Amino acid sequence: MSATKTTTRTKAGKCPDHGDVQGEKDFPVASWPLLAYLGRRASAQFKPYRCPQCGKAIT
């Protein structure tokens, strides 16, 4: 099975180590089966944006 295709979303925030950064997180692209896609999408909503340099959650 191939890897899930994603798109990256960004949001400005503060990293505990690097200060002001553009945080990133991946959202799945619509795919078949729809129910699995909806589950992945709902899961992505609750994951935090992360610092692109160190991977820590931003605030």
C-alpha atoms as a PDB file:
ATOM      1  CA  MET A   1       0.000   0.000   0.000  1.00  0.00           C
ATOM      2  CA  SER A   2       1.346   3.421  -0.914  1.00  0.00           C
ATOM      3  CA  ALA A   3       1.928   6.260   1.503  1.00  0.00           C
ATOM      4  CA  THR A   4      -0.933   8.652   2.157  1.00  0.00           C
ATOM      5  CA  LYS A   5      -0.692  11.897   0.195  1.00  0.00           C
ATOM      6  CA  THR A   6      -0.686  14.992   2.365  1.00  0.00           C
ATOM      7  CA  THR A   7      -0.598  18.739   2.083  1.00  0.00           C
ATOM      8  CA  THR A   8       1.230  20.961   4.567  1.00  0.00           C
ATOM      9  CA  ARG A   9      -0.546  23.759   6.412  1.00  0.00           C
ATOM     10  CA  THR A  10       1.309  26.496   8.269  1.00  0.00           C
ATOM     11  CA  LYS A  11       0.529  28.791  11.181  1.00  0.00           C
ATOM     12  CA  ALA A  12       2.572  31.462  12.918  1.00  0.00           C
ATOM     13  CA  GLY A  13       3.494  30.667  16.520  1.00  0.00           C
ATOM     14  CA  LYS A  14       6.236  30.480  19.120  1.00  0.00           C
ATOM     15  CA  CYS A  15       8.628  27.572  19.515  1.00  0.00           C
ATOM     16  CA  PRO A  16      10.051  27.124  23.038  1.00  0.00           C
ATOM     17  CA  ASP A  17      13.584  26.938  21.569  1.00  0.00           C
ATOM     18  CA  HIS A  18      13.500  29.075  18.390  1.00  0.00           C
ATOM     19  CA  GLY A  19      11.025  31.873  19.195  1.00  0.00           C
ATOM     20  CA  ASP A  20       8.714  33.042  16.378  1.00  0.00           C
ATOM     21  CA  VAL A  21       8.345  30.412  13.632  1.00  0.00           C
ATOM     22  CA  GLN A  22       5.875  29.208  11.001  1.00  0.00           C
ATOM     23  CA  GLY A  23       4.578  25.946  12.466  1.00  0.00           C
ATOM     24  CA  GLU A  24       3.658  23.110  10.103  1.00  0.00           C
ATOM     25  CA  LYS A  25       1.350  20.107  10.129  1.00  0.00           C
ATOM     26  CA  ASP A  26       0.260  17.647   7.462  1.00  0.00           C
ATOM     27  CA  PHE A  27      -3.337  17.215   6.341  1.00  0.00           C
ATOM     28  CA  PRO A  28      -4.399  14.261   4.194  1.00  0.00           C
ATOM     29  CA  VAL A  29      -5.568  14.838   0.627  1.00  0.00           C
ATOM     30  CA  ALA A  30      -8.988  13.410  -0.265  1.00  0.00           C
ATOM     31  CA  SER A  31      -8.689   9.762  -1.288  1.00  0.00           C
ATOM     32  CA  TRP A  32     -10.579   6.492  -1.486  1.00  0.00           C
ATOM     33  CA  PRO A  33     -11.940   4.911   0.745  1.00  0.00           C
ATOM     34  CA  LEU A  34     -13.754   7.985   1.949  1.00  0.00           C
ATOM     35  CA  LEU A  35     -14.343   6.706   5.481  1.00  0.00           C
ATOM     36  CA  ALA A  36     -10.608   6.135   6.031  1.00  0.00           C
ATOM     37  CA  TYR A  37      -9.856   9.610   4.647  1.00  0.00           C
ATOM     38  CA  LEU A  38     -12.384  11.196   7.021  1.00  0.00           C
ATOM     39  CA  GLY A  39     -10.782   9.390   9.967  1.00  0.00           C
ATOM     40  CA  ARG A  40      -7.299  10.607   9.014  1.00  0.00           C
ATOM     41  CA  ARG A  41      -8.626  14.141   8.499  1.00  0.00           C
ATOM     42  CA  ALA A  42     -10.357  14.200  11.891  1.00  0.00           C
ATOM     43  CA  SER A  43      -7.184  12.915  13.529  1.00  0.00           C
ATOM     44  CA  ALA A  44      -5.092  15.639  11.839  1.00  0.00           C
ATOM     45  CA  GLN A  45      -7.369  18.353  13.244  1.00  0.00           C
ATOM     46  CA  PHE A  46      -6.234  17.551  16.798  1.00  0.00           C
ATOM     47  CA  LYS A  47      -2.489  17.276  16.161  1.00  0.00           C
ATOM     48  CA  PRO A  48      -0.450  20.358  17.097  1.00  0.00           C
ATOM     49  CA  TYR A  49       1.476  22.531  14.669  1.00  0.00           C
ATOM     50  CA  ARG A  50       5.194  21.743  14.965  1.00  0.00           C
ATOM     51  CA  CYS A  51       8.395  23.753  14.646  1.00  0.00           C
ATOM     52  CA  PRO A  52      10.036  22.949  11.284  1.00  0.00           C
ATOM     53  CA  GLN A  53      13.512  23.086  12.854  1.00  0.00           C
ATOM     54  CA  CYS A  54      13.166  20.952  15.983  1.00  0.00           C
ATOM     55  CA  GLY A  55       9.714  19.335  15.745  1.00  0.00           C
ATOM     56  CA  LYS A  56       8.406  20.615  19.087  1.00  0.00           C
ATOM     57  CA  ALA A  57       4.769  21.752  19.369  1.00  0.00           C
ATOM     58  CA  ILE A  58       4.316  25.513  18.989  1.00  0.00           C
ATOM     59  CA  THR A  59       1.993  27.754  20.996  1.00  0.00           C
END
